[in-house]
Amino acid sequence: MLKVTTNTPIICLFLLTLSIETSYIPSISLNLSVIIFCLVYLTFYKRFRRMFWMLLLSVPPAFANYWAVYLYGDSSQALMLGTRAFVTVCIGILFVSIISLKEFFLYLAQKGLSRSWAYALIIAFNSFTLVRHEILSLKEACLLRGQKLNLWSPLIYSKVLMTIFRWKELYIIALHAHGFDENAQIVNKYRTFYIPKKTKIIYLVYFSILQTSLLI
C-alpha cells in the first residue's frame, strides 16, 4: 500500500471556514486580514498571474457593494460589505489556484464517499479542457467549409455530445486500469492519502493568527 501525503483536505476545510466566517461576522479587520493572507500566499508561491486576476475580478463587485450601500447607508457598513465582496472573490481564486480536485475527491472516496461519484466528478472536471479543444477543432473544421459556428448553434452541442459518447469507452478502460470496479465487494486501496501533522499545525496557526484580527 502506497501512502501519499496531501494538503488538499485541510486547505479546503481552512478556506471553507474562512468563507463562512467572513460571510456571517461583520468585521472589516477580519476581511482585510484574509485579503492580505491570500495575497501573501500567492506571492509566496509566485502565482502572480492568479494574483492579477484576483485583483481584477475583486475590484468591480467590491466597489459596487461599497457604492450602493454608501449612497443609502453609512460608510462603515459600506466598507464592511465592500471588503466582504472582495474577500469572497479572493478565497474563490485561492481555492482554484491551490486545490487539486483529483486528490480531494479521492480523499473523500477514501473517507466514505461513493467511489462512483468520486470518479465521475474527477472525469467531469478533467474533461473540461478536452471538450474545449474539441469545440475549437469543430469551429476550425466548419470554417474550412465556409460555415461559422456560434455559441447558440445546436451543431456544437450535438457534436460535443457525440464526442463524449465516443470517449465513454476509453474512460471505462482507463478506470478499470486503475483498479476501479463499481460492483467490487473489496475496495482496492493501493494508494491512501493522509494529512501530515505538520500541515495541520501550520494551518491551525494561520487560522489563529487571522482570528486575532477580531480583537482589533
Protein backbone atom coordinates (compact mmCIF):
# COMPACT_ATOMS: atom_id res chain seq x y z
CA MET A 1 0.00 0.00 0.00
CA LEU A 2 1.39 3.37 -1.05
CA LYS A 3 0.85 6.26 1.38
CA VAL A 4 0.69 9.70 -0.21
CA THR A 5 0.77 12.98 1.68
CA THR A 6 -1.87 15.55 0.77
CA ASN A 7 -2.62 19.07 1.96
CA THR A 8 -5.81 19.41 -0.06
CA PRO A 9 -8.42 18.39 2.57
CA ILE A 10 -7.05 20.64 5.30
CA ILE A 11 -6.76 23.58 2.87
CA CYS A 12 -10.37 23.02 1.74
CA LEU A 13 -11.54 22.99 5.36
CA PHE A 14 -9.47 26.09 6.09
CA LEU A 15 -10.89 28.06 3.14
CA LEU A 16 -14.44 26.85 3.84
CA THR A 17 -14.18 28.01 7.46
CA LEU A 18 -12.85 31.40 6.39
CA SER A 19 -15.61 31.83 3.80
CA ILE A 20 -18.33 31.01 6.34
CA GLU A 21 -16.74 33.23 8.98
CA THR A 22 -16.34 36.25 6.69
CA SER A 23 -19.92 35.78 5.45
CA TYR A 24 -21.53 35.94 8.89
CA ILE A 25 -19.16 38.01 11.04
CA PRO A 26 -19.35 41.77 10.24
CA SER A 27 -15.68 42.59 10.73
CA ILE A 28 -13.68 44.87 8.44
CA SER A 29 -10.40 43.90 10.11
CA LEU A 30 -11.08 40.19 9.53
CA ASN A 31 -11.89 40.80 5.87
CA LEU A 32 -8.71 42.81 5.37
CA SER A 33 -6.65 40.16 7.17
CA VAL A 34 -7.97 37.41 4.89
CA ILE A 35 -7.30 39.54 1.80
CA ILE A 36 -3.72 40.16 2.91
CA PHE A 37 -3.29 36.45 3.67
CA CYS A 38 -4.48 35.50 0.16
CA LEU A 39 -2.12 37.99 -1.48
CA VAL A 40 0.86 36.86 0.64
CA TYR A 41 0.06 33.22 -0.04
CA LEU A 42 0.00 33.69 -3.80
CA THR A 43 3.15 35.81 -3.63
CA PHE A 44 4.97 33.10 -1.67
CA TYR A 45 4.13 30.50 -4.32
CA LYS A 46 4.79 33.00 -7.15
CA ARG A 47 1.28 32.84 -8.58
CA PHE A 48 1.44 36.40 -9.89
CA ARG A 49 -0.93 35.78 -12.78
CA ARG A 50 -3.55 34.45 -10.38
CA MET A 51 -2.95 37.49 -8.17
CA PHE A 52 -3.59 39.79 -11.14
CA TRP A 53 -6.90 38.05 -11.89
CA MET A 54 -7.78 38.13 -8.20
CA LEU A 55 -7.39 41.90 -8.07
CA LEU A 56 -9.07 42.42 -11.42
CA LEU A 57 -12.14 40.33 -10.56
CA SER A 58 -12.42 41.55 -6.97
CA VAL A 59 -12.48 45.30 -7.52
CA PRO A 60 -15.79 45.63 -9.52
CA PRO A 61 -18.09 43.73 -7.08
CA ALA A 62 -16.34 45.28 -4.07
CA PHE A 63 -16.74 48.81 -5.44
CA ALA A 64 -20.36 48.12 -6.49
CA ASN A 65 -21.29 46.88 -2.99
CA TYR A 66 -19.48 49.77 -1.34
CA TRP A 67 -21.03 52.46 -3.53
CA ALA A 68 -24.56 51.06 -3.38
CA VAL A 69 -24.57 50.96 0.42
CA TYR A 70 -22.64 54.23 0.80
CA LEU A 71 -25.30 56.15 -1.13
CA TYR A 72 -28.16 54.96 1.10
CA GLY A 73 -26.38 53.99 4.33
CA ASP A 74 -23.36 54.66 6.50
CA SER A 75 -19.75 54.48 5.39
CA SER A 76 -18.68 51.78 7.86
CA GLN A 77 -21.38 49.37 6.67
CA ALA A 78 -20.46 50.13 3.07
CA LEU A 79 -16.79 49.42 3.76
CA MET A 80 -17.65 46.17 5.52
CA LEU A 81 -19.79 44.91 2.63
CA GLY A 82 -17.26 46.08 0.06
CA THR A 83 -14.39 44.21 1.73
CA ARG A 84 -16.66 41.17 2.16
CA ALA A 85 -17.28 41.03 -1.59
CA PHE A 86 -13.54 41.44 -2.17
CA VAL A 87 -12.61 38.63 0.20
CA THR A 88 -15.20 36.29 -1.32
CA VAL A 89 -13.54 36.54 -4.73
CA CYS A 90 -10.09 36.21 -3.14
CA ILE A 91 -11.00 32.96 -1.41
CA GLY A 92 -12.51 31.61 -4.64
CA ILE A 93 -9.40 32.43 -6.67
CA LEU A 94 -7.16 30.94 -3.98
CA PHE A 95 -9.25 27.76 -3.98
CA VAL A 96 -8.95 27.41 -7.75
CA SER A 97 -5.21 28.12 -7.62
CA ILE A 98 -4.05 25.64 -5.00
CA ILE A 99 -6.65 22.87 -4.73
CA SER A 100 -6.20 19.58 -6.56
CA LEU A 101 -9.74 18.35 -7.17
CA LYS A 102 -8.47 14.88 -8.04
CA GLU A 103 -6.78 14.48 -4.66
CA PHE A 104 -9.79 15.99 -2.91
CA PHE A 105 -12.32 13.58 -4.41
CA LEU A 106 -10.04 10.56 -3.96
CA TYR A 107 -9.57 11.52 -0.31
CA LEU A 108 -13.34 11.82 0.14
CA ALA A 109 -13.78 8.41 -1.51
CA GLN A 110 -11.26 7.04 0.97
CA LYS A 111 -13.35 8.51 3.80
CA GLY A 112 -16.66 7.05 2.63
CA LEU A 113 -17.86 8.98 -0.41
CA SER A 114 -19.26 6.74 -3.15
CA ARG A 115 -16.41 5.77 -5.46
CA SER A 116 -18.76 6.07 -8.42
CA TRP A 117 -19.47 9.70 -7.52
CA ALA A 118 -15.80 10.45 -6.85
CA TYR A 119 -14.53 9.04 -10.15
CA ALA A 120 -17.44 10.57 -12.09
CA LEU A 121 -16.62 14.04 -10.72
CA ILE A 122 -12.93 13.58 -11.49
CA ILE A 123 -13.76 12.62 -15.07
CA ALA A 124 -16.14 15.56 -15.43
CA PHE A 125 -13.61 18.14 -14.27
CA ASN A 126 -10.77 16.60 -16.28
CA SER A 127 -12.95 16.65 -19.40
CA PHE A 128 -13.38 20.43 -19.48
CA THR A 129 -10.07 21.06 -21.24
CA LEU A 130 -10.64 18.24 -23.73
CA VAL A 131 -14.15 19.45 -24.53
CA ARG A 132 -12.83 22.99 -25.04
CA HIS A 133 -10.19 21.76 -27.51
CA GLU A 134 -12.83 19.67 -29.26
CA ILE A 135 -15.08 22.70 -29.69
CA LEU A 136 -12.19 24.73 -31.13
CA SER A 137 -11.44 21.91 -33.58
CA LEU A 138 -15.08 21.81 -34.65
CA LYS A 139 -15.14 25.57 -35.23
CA GLU A 140 -11.97 25.41 -37.33
CA ALA A 141 -13.32 22.48 -39.36
CA CYS A 142 -16.56 24.35 -40.03
CA LEU A 143 -14.67 27.49 -41.08
CA LEU A 144 -12.85 25.43 -43.71
CA ARG A 145 -16.28 24.53 -45.10
CA GLY A 146 -17.43 28.15 -45.04
CA GLN A 147 -19.71 27.73 -42.04
CA LYS A 148 -19.32 29.75 -38.84
CA LEU A 149 -20.43 28.19 -35.57
CA ASN A 150 -21.79 30.46 -32.85
CA LEU A 151 -22.36 29.79 -29.16
CA TRP A 152 -26.09 29.28 -29.74
CA SER A 153 -25.57 26.89 -32.64
CA PRO A 154 -27.13 23.46 -31.83
CA LEU A 155 -24.49 21.79 -34.03
CA ILE A 156 -21.79 22.49 -31.40
CA TYR A 157 -23.70 20.75 -28.63
CA SER A 158 -24.68 17.77 -30.77
CA LYS A 159 -21.07 17.30 -31.91
CA VAL A 160 -19.77 17.57 -28.33
CA LEU A 161 -22.29 15.01 -27.09
CA MET A 162 -21.28 12.61 -29.86
CA THR A 163 -17.62 13.10 -28.93
CA ILE A 164 -18.32 12.45 -25.24
CA PHE A 165 -20.13 9.23 -26.07
CA ARG A 166 -17.10 8.22 -28.12
CA TRP A 167 -14.84 8.91 -25.14
CA LYS A 168 -17.03 6.90 -22.78
CA GLU A 169 -15.47 3.57 -23.63
CA LEU A 170 -11.96 4.99 -23.28
CA TYR A 171 -12.78 6.33 -19.82
CA ILE A 172 -14.20 2.96 -18.76
CA ILE A 173 -11.00 1.21 -19.89
CA ALA A 174 -8.90 3.78 -18.00
CA LEU A 175 -10.96 3.33 -14.82
CA HIS A 176 -10.58 -0.44 -14.90
CA ALA A 177 -6.85 0.01 -15.48
CA HIS A 178 -6.72 1.99 -12.21
CA GLY A 179 -8.48 -0.77 -10.31
CA PHE A 180 -11.99 0.70 -10.28
CA ASP A 181 -14.90 -1.73 -10.25
CA GLU A 182 -18.36 -0.43 -9.43
CA ASN A 183 -19.59 -3.86 -8.31
CA ALA A 184 -16.48 -4.89 -6.40
CA GLN A 185 -17.01 -6.12 -2.84
CA ILE A 186 -13.46 -5.25 -1.79
CA VAL A 187 -12.15 -1.76 -2.40
CA ASN A 188 -8.69 -1.70 -3.90
CA LYS A 189 -6.69 0.70 -1.71
CA TYR A 190 -3.33 0.54 -3.39
CA ARG A 191 -2.89 4.23 -2.57
CA THR A 192 -4.07 6.04 0.54
CA PHE A 193 -3.89 9.74 1.31
CA TYR A 194 -3.03 11.15 4.71
CA ILE A 195 -2.58 14.65 6.10
CA PRO A 196 0.76 15.30 7.83
CA LYS A 197 0.59 16.65 11.38
CA LYS A 198 2.89 19.48 10.35
CA THR A 199 0.31 20.70 7.83
CA LYS A 200 -2.47 20.61 10.43
CA ILE A 201 -0.39 22.65 12.86
CA ILE A 202 0.60 25.20 10.19
CA TYR A 203 -2.98 25.89 9.10
CA LEU A 204 -4.15 25.95 12.70
CA VAL A 205 -1.56 28.67 13.34
CA TYR A 206 -2.73 30.54 10.22
CA PHE A 207 -6.31 30.38 11.43
CA SER A 208 -5.38 31.51 14.95
CA ILE A 209 -3.44 34.49 13.59
CA LEU A 210 -6.38 35.55 11.43
CA GLN A 211 -8.70 35.32 14.43
CA THR A 212 -6.64 37.91 16.29
CA SER A 213 -7.94 40.49 13.82
CA LEU A 214 -11.36 40.17 15.50
CA LEU A 215 -9.86 41.69 18.64
CA ILE A 216 -8.83 44.85 16.84
